[in-house]
Amino acid sequence: MGAQKSIHAGKAKIDVNVDLTHKLCASLMLPPLRNTASPLSLIIGSLCLKHPNLFGGSEKLDLSWDKGLYDSNVLIAYRRPRPEWLAQQCFIIQHSVSPEIGIHGTPVDNFSRSGSGGVNLSRFSVGLDLNEPASSQWSSTTSIKFEHVHLLNDDGRSITSDPDGFPVTCSGSPHDRMVVLKQESRYVKANDHSFSHLSMQIEQGIPVLSKWLIFNRFKFVATRGVKLGPAFFLASLTGGSIVGDMAPYQAFAIGGVGSVRGYGEGAVGSGRSCLVANSELTFPVNKMLEGVVFLDCGTDLGSGRLVPGNPAQRQRKPGSGIGFGYGLRLKSPFGHFHVDYAINSFHQKTVYFGIGNLIS
């Protein structure tokens, strides 16, 4: 349920997308995060402006605004053409506001859903991305950016602590600042019968000023897909760890769609380290419909107590969990839709509705 419109203004192109589908899906899955009296809060949509030749030298400018039920994101990206053998540059300005459900959310209904914890992130960043020329199946991206992270309550006021009185930032003030150098390497190999994908990310906080965060954060995602006759088996392993300075919002949240299904977002736990395994077997029902059975599991590797304020233990999150279930995948000209029925370790049942793939 939505509307799409493209408008051409000279060489520029404007894409407008207003979508009410996620509102219906989310109302079936999530408890209300906050009171929203405004009719605009019921709309989910996006606005995108693209200019392919800003100054006459093939410079590209992209401006996008995405609005969710409780979050928003504004992105400005400027790309200047360079020879193919050189790293491609992209200058990015971004501002996002979102509820911090994964870390500070309150689990309800036997951990199958997560409610608001009264903590929201307002994140502003300015940076430069360098995309290295791909060689064989490998590609890499290096970026450096300045981040200003501001913590807010549900009324939009600055906060320094959560409802239990524990700090929500590393600095102790309502905001944290950092300069982050990030290196990401990707490997992709595919054929008619299988595919493999590996992504590795390393983030280093650079101490430009004495109170800015110093940390090293590592994350990897390994995915393998194999065709088994008419069926297709997909498995994914995700892990990570962080050392050095750390605010609670930097922890790895475990649970929810894309993590351990059957649990709410972050309802399994949050830690300085994590390990999550996903697997699913998809089989055809007809030309447009597929069935799927899946099994997910995740753990914080006992690192939940190392997160400042130990929010996971205060919310009595288990730290590890298993979810399994079955579902349907519909492929249509309008997109891919899925419905999943999941059960967690506490025998609580959850139904997920969505668009696109659940694991990658």
Protein backbone atom coordinates (compact mmCIF):
# COMPACT_ATOMS: atom_id res chain seq x y z
CA MET A 1 0.00 0.00 0.00
CA GLY A 2 1.86 3.02 -1.23
CA ALA A 3 2.62 5.38 -4.06
CA GLN A 4 5.70 6.09 -6.18
CA LYS A 5 6.43 9.05 -8.43
CA SER A 6 9.46 10.15 -10.46
CA ILE A 7 9.84 13.77 -11.55
CA HIS A 8 12.45 15.04 -14.03
CA ALA A 9 13.59 18.66 -13.59
CA GLY A 10 16.19 19.35 -16.27
CA LYS A 11 18.97 16.80 -15.73
CA ALA A 12 17.92 16.18 -12.15
CA LYS A 13 15.59 13.37 -11.11
CA ILE A 14 13.34 13.33 -8.05
CA ASP A 15 11.98 10.00 -6.72
CA VAL A 16 9.14 10.12 -4.19
CA ASN A 17 7.92 7.00 -2.40
CA VAL A 18 5.18 6.94 0.23
CA ASP A 19 4.52 3.55 1.79
CA LEU A 20 1.92 2.48 4.37
CA THR A 21 2.72 -1.25 4.21
CA HIS A 22 5.30 -1.21 7.01
CA LYS A 23 2.84 0.57 9.30
CA LEU A 24 0.44 -2.34 9.04
CA CYS A 25 3.21 -4.91 9.51
CA ALA A 26 4.82 -3.11 12.44
CA SER A 27 1.52 -2.70 14.26
CA LEU A 28 1.18 -6.49 14.27
CA MET A 29 4.75 -7.07 15.51
CA LEU A 30 5.72 -4.27 17.91
CA PRO A 31 4.24 -2.65 20.99
CA PRO A 32 3.90 1.16 20.71
CA LEU A 33 7.27 2.83 21.35
CA ARG A 34 5.74 6.21 22.16
CA ASN A 35 2.53 8.17 21.81
CA THR A 36 2.22 9.63 18.28
CA ALA A 37 -0.77 11.87 17.80
CA SER A 38 0.39 13.42 14.51
CA PRO A 39 -1.08 11.88 11.32
CA LEU A 40 2.38 12.21 9.71
CA SER A 41 3.69 9.62 12.18
CA LEU A 42 1.57 6.98 10.41
CA ILE A 43 3.41 7.42 7.10
CA ILE A 44 6.60 5.70 6.06
CA GLY A 45 8.25 7.00 2.90
CA SER A 46 11.30 8.37 1.16
CA LEU A 47 12.32 11.31 -0.98
CA CYS A 48 15.34 11.12 -3.29
CA LEU A 49 16.90 13.82 -5.50
CA LYS A 50 19.64 12.82 -7.97
CA HIS A 51 21.68 15.05 -10.27
CA PRO A 52 24.04 13.22 -12.69
CA ASN A 53 26.08 16.23 -13.85
CA LEU A 54 26.12 18.91 -11.18
CA PHE A 55 28.94 21.18 -12.44
CA GLY A 56 29.24 19.88 -16.00
CA GLY A 57 32.04 17.41 -15.22
CA SER A 58 29.93 14.29 -14.46
CA GLU A 59 29.85 15.14 -10.74
CA LYS A 60 26.97 13.29 -9.08
CA LEU A 61 24.87 14.63 -6.22
CA ASP A 62 22.41 12.43 -4.30
CA LEU A 63 20.09 13.77 -1.61
CA SER A 64 17.78 11.35 0.19
CA TRP A 65 15.39 11.46 3.11
CA ASP A 66 13.89 8.30 4.62
CA LYS A 67 11.20 8.34 7.28
CA GLY A 68 10.19 5.32 9.35
CA LEU A 69 7.66 4.88 12.10
CA TYR A 70 10.02 6.16 14.78
CA ASP A 71 13.22 6.99 12.87
CA SER A 72 14.49 9.21 10.08
CA ASN A 73 17.64 9.51 7.98
CA VAL A 74 18.95 12.33 5.79
CA LEU A 75 21.89 11.63 3.45
CA ILE A 76 23.84 13.92 1.11
CA ALA A 77 26.43 12.25 -1.13
CA TYR A 78 28.71 13.99 -3.65
CA ARG A 79 30.80 11.93 -6.08
CA ARG A 80 33.50 13.31 -8.32
CA PRO A 81 34.65 11.20 -11.32
CA ARG A 82 38.18 9.80 -11.30
CA PRO A 83 40.09 7.37 -13.56
CA GLU A 84 39.03 3.74 -13.08
CA TRP A 85 42.42 2.69 -11.71
CA LEU A 86 42.15 5.20 -8.84
CA ALA A 87 39.98 4.96 -5.73
CA GLN A 88 36.58 6.56 -6.28
CA GLN A 89 35.80 9.34 -3.80
CA CYS A 90 32.46 10.08 -2.18
CA PHE A 91 31.90 12.93 0.27
CA ILE A 92 29.02 12.15 2.66
CA ILE A 93 26.98 14.16 5.17
CA GLN A 94 24.42 12.19 7.17
CA HIS A 95 22.02 12.77 10.04
CA SER A 96 19.81 10.07 11.57
CA VAL A 97 17.49 9.77 14.56
CA SER A 98 16.40 6.35 15.83
CA PRO A 99 15.26 4.67 19.06
CA GLU A 100 17.98 2.60 20.74
CA ILE A 101 15.83 -0.52 21.10
CA GLY A 102 18.60 -3.10 20.66
CA ILE A 103 20.52 -2.05 23.79
CA HIS A 104 18.05 -0.19 26.03
CA GLY A 105 14.75 -1.71 24.85
CA THR A 106 12.59 -3.60 27.34
CA PRO A 107 11.79 -7.24 26.39
CA VAL A 108 8.11 -8.21 26.66
CA ASP A 109 6.04 -11.35 25.95
CA ASN A 110 8.81 -13.81 26.89
CA PHE A 111 11.45 -11.83 24.97
CA SER A 112 9.53 -12.09 21.68
CA ARG A 113 9.16 -8.29 21.37
CA SER A 114 11.04 -5.21 22.58
CA GLY A 115 9.48 -1.98 23.83
CA SER A 116 10.98 1.48 24.15
CA GLY A 117 13.69 1.99 26.75
CA GLY A 118 13.36 5.79 26.61
CA VAL A 119 16.74 6.24 24.86
CA ASN A 120 17.14 7.58 21.31
CA LEU A 121 20.22 8.25 19.16
CA SER A 122 20.71 11.39 17.11
CA ARG A 123 23.79 10.80 14.98
CA PHE A 124 25.47 13.39 12.74
CA SER A 125 28.47 12.45 10.60
CA VAL A 126 30.69 14.00 7.93
CA GLY A 127 33.19 11.89 6.05
CA LEU A 128 34.94 10.64 2.93
CA ASP A 129 34.62 7.18 1.36
CA LEU A 130 37.34 5.74 -0.91
CA ASN A 131 36.22 2.75 -3.00
CA GLU A 132 39.25 0.85 -4.24
CA PRO A 133 39.13 -0.70 -7.75
CA ALA A 134 37.87 -4.30 -7.55
CA SER A 135 40.40 -7.07 -8.25
CA SER A 136 39.08 -10.56 -9.04
CA GLN A 137 36.42 -11.35 -6.39
CA TRP A 138 37.80 -8.90 -3.81
CA SER A 139 36.82 -5.26 -3.25
CA SER A 140 37.51 -2.81 -0.44
CA THR A 141 36.35 0.53 0.93
CA THR A 142 38.24 2.89 3.22
CA SER A 143 36.45 5.72 4.97
CA ILE A 144 37.16 8.37 7.55
CA LYS A 145 34.44 10.35 9.26
CA PHE A 146 33.68 12.62 12.17
CA GLU A 147 30.70 11.55 14.31
CA HIS A 148 28.65 13.49 16.83
CA VAL A 149 26.27 11.21 18.77
CA HIS A 150 23.60 12.91 20.86
CA LEU A 151 21.37 10.97 23.28
CA LEU A 152 17.69 11.96 23.64
CA ASN A 153 14.65 10.76 25.52
CA ASP A 154 11.30 10.06 23.84
CA ASP A 155 10.35 13.74 24.20
CA GLY A 156 13.47 14.86 22.31
CA ARG A 157 15.30 16.23 25.37
CA SER A 158 19.02 15.62 25.99
CA ILE A 159 19.86 12.92 28.53
CA THR A 160 23.03 11.64 30.20
CA SER A 161 21.54 8.52 31.81
CA ASP A 162 18.90 5.88 31.13
CA PRO A 163 15.71 5.51 33.24
CA ASP A 164 17.69 3.43 35.78
CA GLY A 165 20.29 6.20 36.23
CA PHE A 166 23.17 4.56 34.34
CA PRO A 167 25.25 6.63 31.85
CA VAL A 168 24.27 6.35 28.17
CA THR A 169 27.46 7.94 26.79
CA CYS A 170 31.16 7.33 27.27
CA SER A 171 31.95 10.98 28.06
CA GLY A 172 29.23 11.38 30.71
CA SER A 173 27.75 14.35 28.83
CA PRO A 174 24.67 14.12 26.56
CA HIS A 175 26.92 13.52 23.54
CA ASP A 176 30.03 11.70 22.35
CA ARG A 177 32.41 12.80 19.60
CA MET A 178 34.81 10.64 17.64
CA VAL A 179 36.81 10.36 14.42
CA VAL A 180 36.51 6.87 12.97
CA LEU A 181 38.77 5.26 10.37
CA LYS A 182 37.03 2.27 8.79
CA GLN A 183 38.34 -0.43 6.46
CA GLU A 184 35.94 -2.91 4.86
CA SER A 185 36.95 -5.80 2.59
CA ARG A 186 34.47 -7.95 0.66
CA TYR A 187 34.83 -11.25 -1.19
CA VAL A 188 32.12 -12.53 -3.53
CA LYS A 189 32.12 -15.70 -5.62
CA ALA A 190 29.06 -17.09 -7.39
CA ASN A 191 28.05 -19.65 -10.01
CA ASP A 192 24.87 -21.44 -11.08
CA HIS A 193 24.92 -23.82 -8.09
CA SER A 194 26.35 -21.84 -5.15
CA PHE A 195 27.67 -18.54 -3.91
CA SER A 196 30.01 -17.34 -1.16
CA HIS A 197 30.26 -13.92 0.46
CA LEU A 198 32.67 -12.66 3.11
CA SER A 199 32.72 -9.17 4.62
CA MET A 200 35.24 -7.93 7.20
CA GLN A 201 35.10 -4.51 8.88
CA ILE A 202 37.61 -2.84 11.17
CA GLU A 203 36.84 0.51 12.81
CA GLN A 204 39.46 2.51 14.70
CA GLY A 205 38.58 5.49 16.89
CA ILE A 206 41.29 8.16 16.48
CA PRO A 207 42.03 10.35 19.56
CA VAL A 208 42.10 13.76 17.87
CA LEU A 209 41.17 15.37 21.21
CA SER A 210 41.64 13.97 24.70
CA LYS A 211 37.92 13.33 25.42
CA TRP A 212 37.14 11.73 22.06
CA LEU A 213 36.59 7.96 21.98
CA ILE A 214 39.49 5.56 21.34
CA PHE A 215 38.42 2.04 20.36
CA ASN A 216 38.87 -0.80 17.88
CA ARG A 217 35.77 -2.58 16.59
CA PHE A 218 35.89 -5.67 14.39
CA LYS A 219 32.97 -7.38 12.63
CA PHE A 220 32.69 -10.14 10.03
CA VAL A 221 29.83 -11.71 8.06
CA ALA A 222 30.35 -14.99 6.19
CA THR A 223 27.53 -16.33 3.97
CA ARG A 224 27.31 -19.53 1.94
CA GLY A 225 24.47 -20.63 -0.34
CA VAL A 226 24.18 -24.02 -2.05
CA LYS A 227 21.54 -25.32 -4.46
CA LEU A 228 20.18 -28.72 -3.40
CA GLY A 229 18.07 -29.93 -6.29
CA PRO A 230 15.03 -27.61 -6.47
CA ALA A 231 15.76 -26.32 -2.94
CA PHE A 232 18.34 -23.77 -1.81
CA PHE A 233 20.25 -23.84 1.49
CA LEU A 234 21.59 -20.58 2.92
CA ALA A 235 23.81 -20.20 6.00
CA SER A 236 25.33 -17.11 7.56
CA LEU A 237 27.75 -16.55 10.45
CA THR A 238 28.21 -13.10 12.01
CA GLY A 239 30.64 -12.15 14.75
CA GLY A 240 32.41 -9.17 16.23
CA SER A 241 34.21 -7.61 19.17
CA ILE A 242 35.14 -4.17 20.46
CA VAL A 243 38.01 -3.10 22.74
CA GLY A 244 38.87 0.28 24.23
CA ASP A 245 36.48 3.11 25.05
CA MET A 246 32.86 2.14 24.69
CA ALA A 247 29.41 3.64 25.12
CA PRO A 248 26.42 1.29 25.59
CA TYR A 249 25.04 2.15 22.14
CA GLN A 250 28.19 0.67 20.54
CA ALA A 251 27.50 -2.82 21.91
CA PHE A 252 26.49 -5.69 19.62
CA ALA A 253 22.72 -6.25 19.93
CA ILE A 254 21.49 -9.83 19.46
CA GLY A 255 17.94 -10.79 18.56
CA GLY A 256 15.30 -9.84 16.01
CA VAL A 257 14.94 -9.91 12.23
CA GLY A 258 18.36 -10.40 10.62
CA SER A 259 19.70 -11.84 13.88
CA VAL A 260 17.82 -14.45 15.97
CA ARG A 261 14.21 -14.67 14.85
CA GLY A 262 11.64 -15.42 17.54
CA TYR A 263 13.11 -12.67 19.74
CA GLY A 264 12.55 -8.93 19.80
CA GLU A 265 15.30 -6.56 18.68
CA GLY A 266 18.22 -7.04 21.09
CA ALA A 267 16.11 -9.27 23.35
CA VAL A 268 18.72 -12.09 23.43
CA GLY A 269 21.38 -9.76 24.81
CA SER A 270 24.04 -7.16 24.05
CA GLY A 271 27.77 -7.43 24.58
CA ARG A 272 31.27 -6.33 23.68
CA SER A 273 31.40 -9.49 21.56
CA CYS A 274 28.83 -11.57 19.71
CA LEU A 275 28.39 -14.62 17.52
CA VAL A 276 25.19 -15.24 15.51
CA ALA A 277 24.45 -18.16 13.15
CA ASN A 278 21.52 -18.23 10.72
CA SER A 279 20.41 -21.02 8.40
CA GLU A 280 17.39 -21.58 6.20
CA LEU A 281 16.22 -24.00 3.55
CA THR A 282 14.02 -22.59 0.80
CA PHE A 283 11.95 -24.80 -1.53
CA PRO A 284 9.55 -23.92 -4.36
CA VAL A 285 5.78 -24.24 -3.96
CA ASN A 286 4.85 -22.74 -7.34
CA LYS A 287 6.30 -20.17 -9.75
CA MET A 288 5.78 -17.24 -7.37
CA LEU A 289 5.66 -18.86 -3.94
CA GLU A 290 8.41 -20.50 -1.87
CA GLY A 291 8.36 -22.20 1.51
CA VAL A 292 11.17 -21.92 4.06
CA VAL A 293 12.28 -23.54 7.31
CA PHE A 294 14.94 -21.82 9.41
CA LEU A 295 17.08 -22.08 12.54
CA ASP A 296 18.89 -19.14 14.19
CA CYS A 297 21.08 -18.95 17.29
CA GLY A 298 23.16 -16.24 18.95
CA THR A 299 25.27 -15.48 22.01
CA ASP A 300 27.10 -12.55 23.59
CA LEU A 301 29.96 -14.93 24.54
CA GLY A 302 29.58 -13.88 28.18
CA SER A 303 30.52 -10.27 27.39
CA GLY A 304 27.22 -8.62 28.37
CA ARG A 305 28.54 -7.72 31.82
CA LEU A 306 31.42 -5.80 30.18
CA VAL A 307 29.08 -3.24 28.58
CA PRO A 308 29.01 -0.01 30.68
CA GLY A 309 25.97 -0.09 32.96
CA ASN A 310 25.31 -3.75 32.03
CA PRO A 311 21.93 -2.97 30.40
CA ALA A 312 21.36 -6.59 29.28
CA GLN A 313 21.55 -8.01 32.81
CA ARG A 314 19.33 -5.24 34.19
CA GLN A 315 16.70 -6.22 31.61
CA ARG A 316 17.28 -9.93 32.52
CA LYS A 317 18.19 -10.83 28.95
CA PRO A 318 19.43 -14.45 28.68
CA GLY A 319 22.66 -13.71 26.75
CA SER A 320 22.07 -16.59 24.34
CA GLY A 321 19.08 -17.96 22.49
CA ILE A 322 17.72 -20.15 19.71
CA GLY A 323 14.87 -19.42 17.32
CA PHE A 324 13.33 -21.68 14.69
CA GLY A 325 10.28 -21.75 12.48
CA TYR A 326 8.89 -21.70 8.97
CA GLY A 327 7.50 -19.21 6.50
CA LEU A 328 6.55 -18.21 2.97
CA ARG A 329 8.32 -16.09 0.34
CA LEU A 330 6.31 -14.40 -2.41
CA LYS A 331 8.07 -13.17 -5.55
CA SER A 332 5.97 -10.67 -7.49
CA PRO A 333 6.55 -7.85 -9.99
CA PHE A 334 6.08 -5.44 -7.08
CA GLY A 335 8.87 -6.94 -4.95
CA HIS A 336 9.66 -9.83 -2.62
CA PHE A 337 7.46 -10.34 0.45
CA HIS A 338 7.90 -12.75 3.34
CA VAL A 339 5.87 -14.06 6.27
CA ASP A 340 7.66 -16.02 9.01
CA TYR A 341 6.36 -17.88 12.06
CA ALA A 342 9.12 -18.21 14.70
CA ILE A 343 9.42 -19.81 18.14
CA ASN A 344 12.12 -18.84 20.66
CA SER A 345 13.74 -20.73 23.53
CA PHE A 346 10.90 -19.68 25.85
CA HIS A 347 8.30 -21.28 23.50
CA GLN A 348 6.94 -17.82 22.63
CA LYS A 349 5.58 -17.55 19.08
CA THR A 350 6.13 -14.54 16.80
CA VAL A 351 4.92 -13.71 13.28
CA TYR A 352 7.08 -11.51 11.03
CA PHE A 353 5.88 -9.65 7.94
CA GLY A 354 8.32 -7.88 5.66
CA ILE A 355 9.84 -7.02 2.31
CA GLY A 356 13.14 -8.45 1.00
CA ASN A 357 15.47 -11.11 2.42
CA LEU A 358 15.93 -11.78 6.13
CA ILE A 359 19.54 -12.94 5.99
CA SER A 360 22.24 -12.10 3.48
